[in-house]
Amino acid sequence: MNHLKEKTIKKNKLFTGKIIDLYVEDVELPNGKTSKREIVKHPGAVAVIAVTSENKIVMVQQYRKPLERVLVEIPAGKLEQGEEPIETAKRELEEETGYTAHKLTHLTSFYTSPGFADELVHLYVAEGLMKLEVKAQLDEDEFVDVIELTLDEALAYMSEKRIYDAKTAYAVQYLQMKQLADNSNN
C-alpha cells in the first residue's frame, strides 16, 4: 500500500473555525508529480441509534443550513476536546432527545467523506431508554424537534428524502437488517 501514499510537501491552514479547520496541502503523488489537496479537519462525532420500548426510533428534526432544508436524523454531535466518544453519545442523546440510556454499545465507526475530510463518526446503540425528568440543555445555537418513528415510517421518510444523511440511513438500514435477522430466528 505504500506505493499509493501521497507525501505532504507543504501545508497551509486557511481557516480555523468552531467546528472545522481548513487546509490546503501540496503533495507529492506516487508517480513523482505534485498536486494540491483541500482538507477539512474535524474533531470527530458520535451518532446514536435509540429505540423506545414501543419500538419507535428516536430522531430529531433539524434545519441544515448547507442544504437549506430540514432533515430528520438520529441524535448526533461533535466530540468535545478530551471527551470520550461514549460520553459524547450519552450527552448528545440527553441534550437532543430528553432520553438517557441504561447502556450504550459501540456499533461501528466510519469516515463521512474521506476524499476531503477526516471526520470520524462513532455509532452507538442505546439500550434501556428512560425519559429524563428534566431535559438537558441544547447548545445555544441548536434547535431541534424530537420525533419518534416506526421502522416503516423511517423507511418511508428515506423514500421521501426527509431522511437523507448517511449516518441516519445507515441506522435505519441497520435496524431493518436486525429486524429481518430477528424474524428469521423466531
N, C-alpha and C. Protein backbone atom coordinates (compact mmCIF):
# COMPACT_ATOMS: atom_id res chain seq x y z
N MET A 1 0.81 -1.20 0.00
CA MET A 1 0.00 0.00 0.00
C MET A 1 0.85 1.27 0.00
N ASN A 2 2.09 1.15 0.43
CA ASN A 2 2.96 2.33 0.48
C ASN A 2 3.14 2.96 -0.90
N HIS A 3 2.97 2.19 -1.96
CA HIS A 3 3.14 2.72 -3.30
C HIS A 3 1.99 3.67 -3.69
N LEU A 4 0.95 3.77 -2.86
CA LEU A 4 -0.17 4.68 -3.10
C LEU A 4 -0.09 5.96 -2.27
N LYS A 5 0.85 6.00 -1.34
CA LYS A 5 0.93 7.10 -0.38
C LYS A 5 1.31 8.42 -1.06
N GLU A 6 0.66 9.49 -0.57
CA GLU A 6 0.99 10.84 -1.01
C GLU A 6 1.77 11.53 0.11
N LYS A 7 2.90 12.12 -0.23
CA LYS A 7 3.76 12.79 0.75
C LYS A 7 3.42 14.29 0.78
N THR A 8 3.16 14.80 2.00
CA THR A 8 2.89 16.22 2.15
C THR A 8 4.19 17.00 2.02
N ILE A 9 4.20 17.96 1.11
CA ILE A 9 5.36 18.83 0.91
C ILE A 9 5.18 20.14 1.67
N LYS A 10 3.97 20.68 1.62
CA LYS A 10 3.67 21.96 2.25
C LYS A 10 2.23 21.94 2.74
N LYS A 11 2.01 22.52 3.91
CA LYS A 11 0.66 22.56 4.50
C LYS A 11 0.34 24.01 4.84
N ASN A 12 -0.82 24.49 4.38
CA ASN A 12 -1.22 25.87 4.63
C ASN A 12 -2.62 25.87 5.26
N LYS A 13 -2.71 26.40 6.49
CA LYS A 13 -4.01 26.48 7.17
C LYS A 13 -4.72 27.74 6.70
N LEU A 14 -5.89 27.56 6.10
CA LEU A 14 -6.65 28.69 5.56
C LEU A 14 -7.68 29.24 6.53
N PHE A 15 -8.19 28.35 7.40
CA PHE A 15 -9.32 28.76 8.24
C PHE A 15 -9.34 27.93 9.52
N THR A 16 -9.60 28.60 10.63
CA THR A 16 -9.82 27.93 11.90
C THR A 16 -11.22 28.30 12.36
N GLY A 17 -12.07 27.29 12.51
CA GLY A 17 -13.45 27.55 12.89
C GLY A 17 -13.83 26.89 14.18
N LYS A 18 -15.10 27.06 14.53
CA LYS A 18 -15.66 26.46 15.75
C LYS A 18 -15.77 24.94 15.60
N ILE A 19 -16.05 24.49 14.37
CA ILE A 19 -16.26 23.06 14.13
C ILE A 19 -15.16 22.45 13.28
N ILE A 20 -14.68 23.17 12.30
CA ILE A 20 -13.68 22.63 11.37
C ILE A 20 -12.49 23.56 11.19
N ASP A 21 -11.41 23.00 10.70
CA ASP A 21 -10.26 23.75 10.21
C ASP A 21 -10.07 23.34 8.75
N LEU A 22 -9.63 24.28 7.93
CA LEU A 22 -9.45 24.01 6.51
C LEU A 22 -7.98 24.22 6.12
N TYR A 23 -7.42 23.22 5.45
CA TYR A 23 -6.03 23.25 5.00
C TYR A 23 -5.98 23.03 3.49
N VAL A 24 -4.93 23.58 2.88
CA VAL A 24 -4.56 23.20 1.52
C VAL A 24 -3.14 22.64 1.64
N GLU A 25 -2.98 21.42 1.12
CA GLU A 25 -1.67 20.78 1.19
C GLU A 25 -1.15 20.53 -0.23
N ASP A 26 0.12 20.83 -0.40
CA ASP A 26 0.82 20.42 -1.62
C ASP A 26 1.36 19.02 -1.34
N VAL A 27 1.08 18.09 -2.24
CA VAL A 27 1.50 16.71 -2.04
C VAL A 27 2.30 16.20 -3.23
N GLU A 28 3.21 15.28 -2.94
CA GLU A 28 3.91 14.55 -3.99
C GLU A 28 3.14 13.25 -4.21
N LEU A 29 2.74 13.03 -5.45
CA LEU A 29 1.97 11.84 -5.81
C LEU A 29 2.89 10.64 -5.98
N PRO A 30 2.32 9.44 -5.98
CA PRO A 30 3.13 8.23 -6.14
C PRO A 30 3.98 8.22 -7.42
N ASN A 31 3.54 8.94 -8.46
CA ASN A 31 4.30 8.98 -9.71
C ASN A 31 5.35 10.09 -9.74
N GLY A 32 5.52 10.80 -8.62
CA GLY A 32 6.53 11.85 -8.53
C GLY A 32 6.01 13.24 -8.86
N LYS A 33 4.84 13.35 -9.46
CA LYS A 33 4.25 14.66 -9.76
C LYS A 33 3.66 15.26 -8.50
N THR A 34 3.25 16.52 -8.57
CA THR A 34 2.66 17.17 -7.40
C THR A 34 1.22 17.57 -7.68
N SER A 35 0.48 17.77 -6.60
CA SER A 35 -0.91 18.19 -6.69
C SER A 35 -1.28 18.90 -5.40
N LYS A 36 -2.48 19.45 -5.35
CA LYS A 36 -3.00 20.12 -4.15
C LYS A 36 -4.17 19.32 -3.60
N ARG A 37 -4.29 19.31 -2.29
CA ARG A 37 -5.40 18.65 -1.61
C ARG A 37 -6.04 19.66 -0.65
N GLU A 38 -7.35 19.82 -0.76
CA GLU A 38 -8.11 20.65 0.17
C GLU A 38 -8.64 19.70 1.24
N ILE A 39 -8.30 19.97 2.50
CA ILE A 39 -8.60 19.03 3.58
C ILE A 39 -9.34 19.73 4.72
N VAL A 40 -10.45 19.14 5.12
CA VAL A 40 -11.22 19.60 6.26
C VAL A 40 -10.84 18.73 7.45
N LYS A 41 -10.37 19.37 8.52
CA LYS A 41 -10.06 18.67 9.77
C LYS A 41 -11.24 18.86 10.73
N HIS A 42 -11.70 17.76 11.28
CA HIS A 42 -12.87 17.75 12.16
C HIS A 42 -12.54 16.92 13.39
N PRO A 43 -13.00 17.31 14.58
CA PRO A 43 -12.65 16.57 15.79
C PRO A 43 -13.31 15.20 15.92
N GLY A 44 -14.26 14.89 15.05
CA GLY A 44 -14.99 13.63 15.14
C GLY A 44 -16.35 13.85 15.75
N ALA A 45 -17.19 12.83 15.64
CA ALA A 45 -18.57 12.96 16.10
C ALA A 45 -19.09 11.60 16.55
N VAL A 46 -20.27 11.64 17.16
CA VAL A 46 -20.98 10.41 17.52
C VAL A 46 -22.38 10.51 16.96
N ALA A 47 -23.01 9.36 16.83
CA ALA A 47 -24.43 9.27 16.48
C ALA A 47 -25.01 8.11 17.29
N VAL A 48 -26.30 8.21 17.60
CA VAL A 48 -26.91 7.23 18.49
C VAL A 48 -28.19 6.68 17.88
N ILE A 49 -28.25 5.35 17.80
CA ILE A 49 -29.48 4.66 17.41
C ILE A 49 -30.23 4.37 18.71
N ALA A 50 -31.37 5.04 18.89
CA ALA A 50 -32.15 4.89 20.12
C ALA A 50 -33.56 4.45 19.75
N VAL A 51 -33.98 3.32 20.32
CA VAL A 51 -35.30 2.77 20.04
C VAL A 51 -36.03 2.61 21.37
N THR A 52 -37.25 3.14 21.44
CA THR A 52 -38.04 3.08 22.67
C THR A 52 -38.59 1.67 22.91
N SER A 53 -39.15 1.47 24.08
CA SER A 53 -39.77 0.18 24.39
C SER A 53 -41.00 -0.07 23.52
N GLU A 54 -41.55 0.99 22.91
CA GLU A 54 -42.67 0.86 21.97
C GLU A 54 -42.16 0.61 20.55
N ASN A 55 -40.87 0.36 20.43
CA ASN A 55 -40.23 0.08 19.13
C ASN A 55 -40.26 1.28 18.18
N LYS A 56 -40.12 2.47 18.73
CA LYS A 56 -40.06 3.70 17.93
C LYS A 56 -38.62 4.21 17.95
N ILE A 57 -38.15 4.63 16.78
CA ILE A 57 -36.79 5.17 16.65
C ILE A 57 -36.85 6.65 17.04
N VAL A 58 -36.01 7.04 17.99
CA VAL A 58 -35.97 8.43 18.44
C VAL A 58 -35.08 9.22 17.47
N MET A 59 -35.67 10.26 16.89
CA MET A 59 -34.95 11.09 15.92
C MET A 59 -35.20 12.56 16.22
N VAL A 60 -34.44 13.39 15.55
CA VAL A 60 -34.63 14.84 15.66
C VAL A 60 -34.81 15.43 14.26
N GLN A 61 -35.65 16.46 14.22
CA GLN A 61 -35.76 17.27 13.00
C GLN A 61 -34.92 18.52 13.24
N GLN A 62 -34.10 18.85 12.25
CA GLN A 62 -33.19 19.99 12.42
C GLN A 62 -32.96 20.66 11.08
N TYR A 63 -32.94 21.99 11.08
CA TYR A 63 -32.64 22.73 9.86
C TYR A 63 -31.15 22.64 9.59
N ARG A 64 -30.80 22.27 8.37
CA ARG A 64 -29.40 22.16 7.98
C ARG A 64 -29.08 23.23 6.94
N LYS A 65 -28.39 24.26 7.38
CA LYS A 65 -28.12 25.43 6.55
C LYS A 65 -27.41 25.09 5.24
N PRO A 66 -26.40 24.20 5.22
CA PRO A 66 -25.76 23.92 3.93
C PRO A 66 -26.73 23.37 2.88
N LEU A 67 -27.80 22.72 3.34
CA LEU A 67 -28.79 22.14 2.42
C LEU A 67 -30.02 23.02 2.27
N GLU A 68 -30.15 24.04 3.14
CA GLU A 68 -31.30 24.95 3.16
C GLU A 68 -32.61 24.19 3.32
N ARG A 69 -32.59 23.21 4.24
CA ARG A 69 -33.81 22.43 4.49
C ARG A 69 -33.72 21.70 5.83
N VAL A 70 -34.86 21.20 6.26
CA VAL A 70 -34.95 20.40 7.48
C VAL A 70 -34.72 18.94 7.12
N LEU A 71 -33.90 18.27 7.92
CA LEU A 71 -33.70 16.83 7.79
C LEU A 71 -34.15 16.15 9.07
N VAL A 72 -34.51 14.89 8.95
CA VAL A 72 -34.79 14.04 10.10
C VAL A 72 -33.57 13.14 10.28
N GLU A 73 -33.01 13.17 11.49
CA GLU A 73 -31.74 12.47 11.74
C GLU A 73 -31.77 11.77 13.10
N ILE A 74 -30.87 10.80 13.25
CA ILE A 74 -30.66 10.24 14.58
C ILE A 74 -29.87 11.27 15.39
N PRO A 75 -29.98 11.24 16.72
CA PRO A 75 -29.22 12.18 17.53
C PRO A 75 -27.72 12.02 17.28
N ALA A 76 -27.05 13.16 17.20
CA ALA A 76 -25.62 13.13 16.90
C ALA A 76 -24.98 14.43 17.34
N GLY A 77 -23.66 14.41 17.44
CA GLY A 77 -22.96 15.64 17.78
C GLY A 77 -21.45 15.47 17.78
N LYS A 78 -20.80 16.60 17.87
CA LYS A 78 -19.35 16.70 17.78
C LYS A 78 -18.69 16.31 19.10
N LEU A 79 -17.57 15.61 18.99
CA LEU A 79 -16.74 15.31 20.16
C LEU A 79 -16.15 16.61 20.70
N GLU A 80 -16.21 16.78 22.01
CA GLU A 80 -15.53 17.91 22.64
C GLU A 80 -14.11 17.47 22.96
N GLN A 81 -13.20 18.43 23.02
CA GLN A 81 -11.79 18.10 23.27
C GLN A 81 -11.66 17.32 24.58
N GLY A 82 -10.97 16.18 24.51
CA GLY A 82 -10.71 15.34 25.67
C GLY A 82 -11.87 14.45 26.07
N GLU A 83 -12.99 14.52 25.35
CA GLU A 83 -14.17 13.73 25.69
C GLU A 83 -14.13 12.39 24.97
N GLU A 84 -14.43 11.33 25.68
CA GLU A 84 -14.51 10.00 25.07
C GLU A 84 -15.79 9.90 24.26
N PRO A 85 -15.76 9.20 23.13
CA PRO A 85 -16.96 9.09 22.30
C PRO A 85 -18.20 8.60 23.04
N ILE A 86 -18.07 7.66 23.97
CA ILE A 86 -19.24 7.16 24.69
C ILE A 86 -19.86 8.25 25.56
N GLU A 87 -19.03 9.14 26.10
CA GLU A 87 -19.54 10.26 26.90
C GLU A 87 -20.27 11.26 26.00
N THR A 88 -19.72 11.49 24.80
CA THR A 88 -20.39 12.37 23.84
C THR A 88 -21.74 11.79 23.45
N ALA A 89 -21.78 10.48 23.23
CA ALA A 89 -23.03 9.82 22.84
C ALA A 89 -24.09 10.01 23.94
N LYS A 90 -23.70 9.80 25.18
CA LYS A 90 -24.63 9.97 26.31
C LYS A 90 -25.11 11.42 26.38
N ARG A 91 -24.18 12.36 26.27
CA ARG A 91 -24.52 13.78 26.35
C ARG A 91 -25.46 14.19 25.22
N GLU A 92 -25.13 13.81 24.00
CA GLU A 92 -25.94 14.20 22.85
C GLU A 92 -27.34 13.58 22.91
N LEU A 93 -27.43 12.33 23.31
CA LEU A 93 -28.74 11.68 23.45
C LEU A 93 -29.60 12.46 24.44
N GLU A 94 -29.02 12.81 25.58
CA GLU A 94 -29.76 13.54 26.61
C GLU A 94 -30.13 14.94 26.16
N GLU A 95 -29.17 15.67 25.57
CA GLU A 95 -29.43 17.06 25.15
C GLU A 95 -30.47 17.13 24.04
N GLU A 96 -30.32 16.28 23.04
CA GLU A 96 -31.16 16.41 21.86
C GLU A 96 -32.53 15.76 22.01
N THR A 97 -32.64 14.70 22.83
CA THR A 97 -33.89 13.95 22.86
C THR A 97 -34.61 13.95 24.20
N GLY A 98 -33.90 14.24 25.28
CA GLY A 98 -34.52 14.14 26.59
C GLY A 98 -34.55 12.72 27.13
N TYR A 99 -33.86 11.80 26.44
CA TYR A 99 -33.73 10.42 26.90
C TYR A 99 -32.32 10.17 27.41
N THR A 100 -32.21 9.22 28.32
CA THR A 100 -30.92 8.67 28.69
C THR A 100 -31.02 7.16 28.46
N ALA A 101 -29.88 6.50 28.48
CA ALA A 101 -29.87 5.06 28.20
C ALA A 101 -29.21 4.30 29.34
N HIS A 102 -29.75 3.13 29.63
CA HIS A 102 -29.14 2.25 30.62
C HIS A 102 -27.78 1.78 30.12
N LYS A 103 -27.69 1.56 28.79
CA LYS A 103 -26.45 1.04 28.21
C LYS A 103 -26.25 1.62 26.81
N LEU A 104 -25.02 2.00 26.51
CA LEU A 104 -24.62 2.42 25.17
C LEU A 104 -23.56 1.46 24.67
N THR A 105 -23.79 0.91 23.48
CA THR A 105 -22.87 -0.06 22.90
C THR A 105 -22.35 0.48 21.58
N HIS A 106 -21.02 0.47 21.43
CA HIS A 106 -20.41 0.93 20.17
C HIS A 106 -20.72 -0.09 19.08
N LEU A 107 -21.30 0.38 17.98
CA LEU A 107 -21.64 -0.48 16.86
C LEU A 107 -20.54 -0.48 15.80
N THR A 108 -20.12 0.71 15.38
CA THR A 108 -19.07 0.85 14.37
C THR A 108 -18.62 2.30 14.33
N SER A 109 -17.57 2.56 13.59
CA SER A 109 -17.13 3.92 13.30
C SER A 109 -16.86 4.01 11.81
N PHE A 110 -17.08 5.19 11.24
CA PHE A 110 -16.87 5.35 9.80
C PHE A 110 -16.50 6.80 9.47
N TYR A 111 -15.74 6.95 8.40
CA TYR A 111 -15.39 8.28 7.89
C TYR A 111 -16.52 8.75 6.99
N THR A 112 -16.89 10.02 7.13
CA THR A 112 -18.03 10.54 6.37
C THR A 112 -17.69 10.85 4.91
N SER A 113 -16.57 11.47 4.68
CA SER A 113 -16.17 11.88 3.32
C SER A 113 -14.65 11.90 3.20
N PRO A 114 -14.01 10.72 3.14
CA PRO A 114 -12.55 10.66 3.21
C PRO A 114 -11.82 11.29 2.03
N GLY A 115 -12.54 11.69 1.00
CA GLY A 115 -11.90 12.37 -0.12
C GLY A 115 -11.44 13.78 0.23
N PHE A 116 -12.05 14.39 1.26
CA PHE A 116 -11.64 15.74 1.63
C PHE A 116 -11.72 16.03 3.13
N ALA A 117 -12.25 15.09 3.93
CA ALA A 117 -12.41 15.36 5.36
C ALA A 117 -11.96 14.16 6.19
N ASP A 118 -11.50 14.45 7.42
CA ASP A 118 -11.08 13.37 8.32
C ASP A 118 -12.11 13.09 9.41
N GLU A 119 -13.35 13.58 9.26
CA GLU A 119 -14.39 13.36 10.27
C GLU A 119 -14.68 11.86 10.42
N LEU A 120 -14.56 11.39 11.65
CA LEU A 120 -14.85 10.01 12.01
C LEU A 120 -16.06 10.00 12.92
N VAL A 121 -17.13 9.29 12.51
CA VAL A 121 -18.35 9.20 13.31
C VAL A 121 -18.37 7.84 14.02
N HIS A 122 -18.59 7.89 15.32
CA HIS A 122 -18.71 6.69 16.15
C HIS A 122 -20.21 6.45 16.37
N LEU A 123 -20.69 5.30 15.92
CA LEU A 123 -22.11 5.00 16.01
C LEU A 123 -22.39 4.07 17.19
N TYR A 124 -23.33 4.48 18.04
CA TYR A 124 -23.70 3.73 19.24
C TYR A 124 -25.16 3.29 19.16
N VAL A 125 -25.45 2.19 19.85
CA VAL A 125 -26.82 1.73 20.04
C VAL A 125 -27.16 1.96 21.50
N ALA A 126 -28.28 2.65 21.74
CA ALA A 126 -28.74 2.91 23.10
C ALA A 126 -29.75 1.85 23.50
N GLU A 127 -29.57 1.29 24.68
CA GLU A 127 -30.50 0.27 25.19
C GLU A 127 -31.05 0.72 26.53
N GLY A 128 -32.27 0.33 26.80
CA GLY A 128 -32.91 0.69 28.08
C GLY A 128 -33.15 2.18 28.18
N LEU A 129 -33.84 2.75 27.19
CA LEU A 129 -34.12 4.18 27.20
C LEU A 129 -35.03 4.57 28.36
N MET A 130 -34.71 5.71 28.96
CA MET A 130 -35.53 6.27 30.02
C MET A 130 -35.66 7.76 29.77
N LYS A 131 -36.88 8.28 29.89
CA LYS A 131 -37.13 9.70 29.72
C LYS A 131 -36.56 10.45 30.93
N LEU A 132 -35.81 11.50 30.67
CA LEU A 132 -35.28 12.33 31.76
C LEU A 132 -36.42 13.17 32.35
N GLU A 133 -36.36 13.40 33.64
CA GLU A 133 -37.36 14.29 34.27
C GLU A 133 -37.16 15.72 33.78
N VAL A 134 -35.90 16.12 33.66
CA VAL A 134 -35.57 17.45 33.15
C VAL A 134 -34.62 17.25 31.98
N LYS A 135 -35.05 17.72 30.81
CA LYS A 135 -34.24 17.56 29.60
C LYS A 135 -32.97 18.41 29.72
N ALA A 136 -31.85 17.84 29.30
CA ALA A 136 -30.58 18.57 29.29
C ALA A 136 -30.67 19.72 28.28
N GLN A 137 -29.86 20.73 28.49
CA GLN A 137 -29.88 21.92 27.62
C GLN A 137 -29.19 21.65 26.29
N LEU A 138 -29.83 22.09 25.21
CA LEU A 138 -29.19 22.08 23.89
C LEU A 138 -28.14 23.17 23.85
N ASP A 139 -27.23 23.09 22.87
CA ASP A 139 -26.32 24.20 22.63
C ASP A 139 -27.15 25.43 22.30
N GLU A 140 -26.62 26.61 22.61
CA GLU A 140 -27.41 27.84 22.44
C GLU A 140 -27.79 28.13 20.99
N ASP A 141 -27.05 27.56 20.03
CA ASP A 141 -27.37 27.78 18.62
C ASP A 141 -28.00 26.56 17.96
N GLU A 142 -28.57 25.67 18.78
CA GLU A 142 -29.13 24.42 18.28
C GLU A 142 -30.64 24.37 18.56
N PHE A 143 -31.41 24.06 17.53
CA PHE A 143 -32.85 23.97 17.64
C PHE A 143 -33.32 22.69 16.97
N VAL A 144 -33.97 21.82 17.74
CA VAL A 144 -34.43 20.54 17.20
C VAL A 144 -35.82 20.23 17.72
N ASP A 145 -36.55 19.44 16.94
CA ASP A 145 -37.81 18.84 17.39
C ASP A 145 -37.57 17.35 17.47
N VAL A 146 -37.99 16.73 18.55
CA VAL A 146 -37.86 15.28 18.72
C VAL A 146 -39.07 14.61 18.11
N ILE A 147 -38.82 13.58 17.32
CA ILE A 147 -39.91 12.77 16.78
C ILE A 147 -39.55 11.30 16.98
N GLU A 148 -40.57 10.48 17.01
CA GLU A 148 -40.36 9.04 17.15
C GLU A 148 -41.08 8.35 16.00
N LEU A 149 -40.34 7.52 15.28
CA LEU A 149 -40.86 6.87 14.07
C LEU A 149 -40.77 5.35 14.19
N THR A 150 -41.74 4.67 13.61
CA THR A 150 -41.59 3.22 13.45
C THR A 150 -40.57 2.98 12.35
N LEU A 151 -40.11 1.77 12.23
CA LEU A 151 -39.17 1.44 11.17
C LEU A 151 -39.80 1.69 9.80
N ASP A 152 -41.06 1.31 9.63
CA ASP A 152 -41.74 1.55 8.35
C ASP A 152 -41.84 3.03 8.04
N GLU A 153 -42.12 3.83 9.05
CA GLU A 153 -42.18 5.29 8.83
C GLU A 153 -40.80 5.83 8.45
N ALA A 154 -39.76 5.34 9.11
CA ALA A 154 -38.40 5.78 8.79
C ALA A 154 -38.03 5.41 7.36
N LEU A 155 -38.40 4.21 6.93
CA LEU A 155 -38.13 3.80 5.55
C LEU A 155 -38.89 4.68 4.56
N ALA A 156 -40.12 5.05 4.89
CA ALA A 156 -40.89 5.96 4.04
C ALA A 156 -40.21 7.33 4.00
N TYR A 157 -39.71 7.81 5.14
CA TYR A 157 -39.01 9.10 5.19
C TYR A 157 -37.76 9.06 4.29
N MET A 158 -37.11 7.90 4.23
CA MET A 158 -35.95 7.78 3.34
C MET A 158 -36.39 7.92 1.89
N SER A 159 -37.49 7.26 1.52
CA SER A 159 -38.01 7.36 0.15
C SER A 159 -38.40 8.79 -0.20
N GLU A 160 -38.92 9.50 0.79
CA GLU A 160 -39.35 10.90 0.60
C GLU A 160 -38.19 11.89 0.72
N LYS A 161 -37.00 11.39 1.01
CA LYS A 161 -35.79 12.20 1.21
C LYS A 161 -35.92 13.17 2.39
N ARG A 162 -36.71 12.78 3.37
CA ARG A 162 -36.76 13.52 4.63
C ARG A 162 -35.63 13.02 5.54
N ILE A 163 -35.32 11.73 5.45
CA ILE A 163 -34.10 11.17 6.00
C ILE A 163 -33.17 11.06 4.80
N TYR A 164 -32.06 11.83 4.86
CA TYR A 164 -31.24 11.96 3.65
C TYR A 164 -29.76 12.10 3.95
N ASP A 165 -29.37 11.75 5.17
CA ASP A 165 -27.95 11.80 5.50
C ASP A 165 -27.45 10.37 5.76
N ALA A 166 -26.16 10.17 5.58
CA ALA A 166 -25.58 8.83 5.60
C ALA A 166 -25.73 8.14 6.96
N LYS A 167 -25.46 8.85 8.05
CA LYS A 167 -25.50 8.19 9.36
C LYS A 167 -26.89 7.70 9.70
N THR A 168 -27.91 8.47 9.35
CA THR A 168 -29.28 8.08 9.66
C THR A 168 -29.75 6.97 8.73
N ALA A 169 -29.40 7.06 7.45
CA ALA A 169 -29.73 5.99 6.51
C ALA A 169 -29.08 4.69 6.96
N TYR A 170 -27.82 4.77 7.40
CA TYR A 170 -27.11 3.59 7.91
C TYR A 170 -27.87 3.00 9.10
N ALA A 171 -28.30 3.88 10.02
CA ALA A 171 -29.00 3.43 11.22
C ALA A 171 -30.32 2.74 10.86
N VAL A 172 -31.07 3.33 9.95
CA VAL A 172 -32.36 2.75 9.57
C VAL A 172 -32.14 1.39 8.90
N GLN A 173 -31.16 1.32 8.04
CA GLN A 173 -30.88 0.04 7.36
C GLN A 173 -30.35 -1.00 8.35
N TYR A 174 -29.58 -0.59 9.33
CA TYR A 174 -29.12 -1.50 10.38
C TYR A 174 -30.32 -2.08 11.12
N LEU A 175 -31.27 -1.20 11.50
CA LEU A 175 -32.46 -1.67 12.21
C LEU A 175 -33.31 -2.59 11.34
N GLN A 176 -33.37 -2.30 10.06
CA GLN A 176 -34.12 -3.15 9.13
C GLN A 176 -33.48 -4.54 9.05
N MET A 177 -32.16 -4.59 8.92
CA MET A 177 -31.46 -5.88 8.85
C MET A 177 -31.60 -6.64 10.17
N LYS A 178 -31.53 -5.91 11.29
CA LYS A 178 -31.68 -6.54 12.61
C LYS A 178 -33.08 -7.15 12.73
N GLN A 179 -34.09 -6.42 12.27
CA GLN A 179 -35.46 -6.93 12.32
C GLN A 179 -35.60 -8.19 11.47
N LEU A 180 -35.02 -8.17 10.29
CA LEU A 180 -35.07 -9.35 9.41
C LEU A 180 -34.39 -10.54 10.07
N ALA A 181 -33.24 -10.30 10.69
CA ALA A 181 -32.50 -11.38 11.36
C ALA A 181 -33.31 -11.91 12.55
N ASP A 182 -33.89 -11.00 13.33
CA ASP A 182 -34.70 -11.41 14.49
C ASP A 182 -35.90 -12.24 14.04
N ASN A 183 -36.55 -11.82 12.95
CA ASN A 183 -37.72 -12.54 12.44
C ASN A 183 -37.36 -13.93 11.92
N SER A 184 -36.18 -14.05 11.30
CA SER A 184 -35.78 -15.35 10.77
C SER A 184 -35.34 -16.32 11.88
N ASN A 185 -34.96 -15.76 13.03
CA ASN A 185 -34.57 -16.60 14.17
C ASN A 185 -35.75 -17.04 15.01
N ASN A 186 -36.91 -16.47 14.75
CA ASN A 186 -38.12 -16.82 15.55
C ASN A 186 -38.93 -17.91 14.90
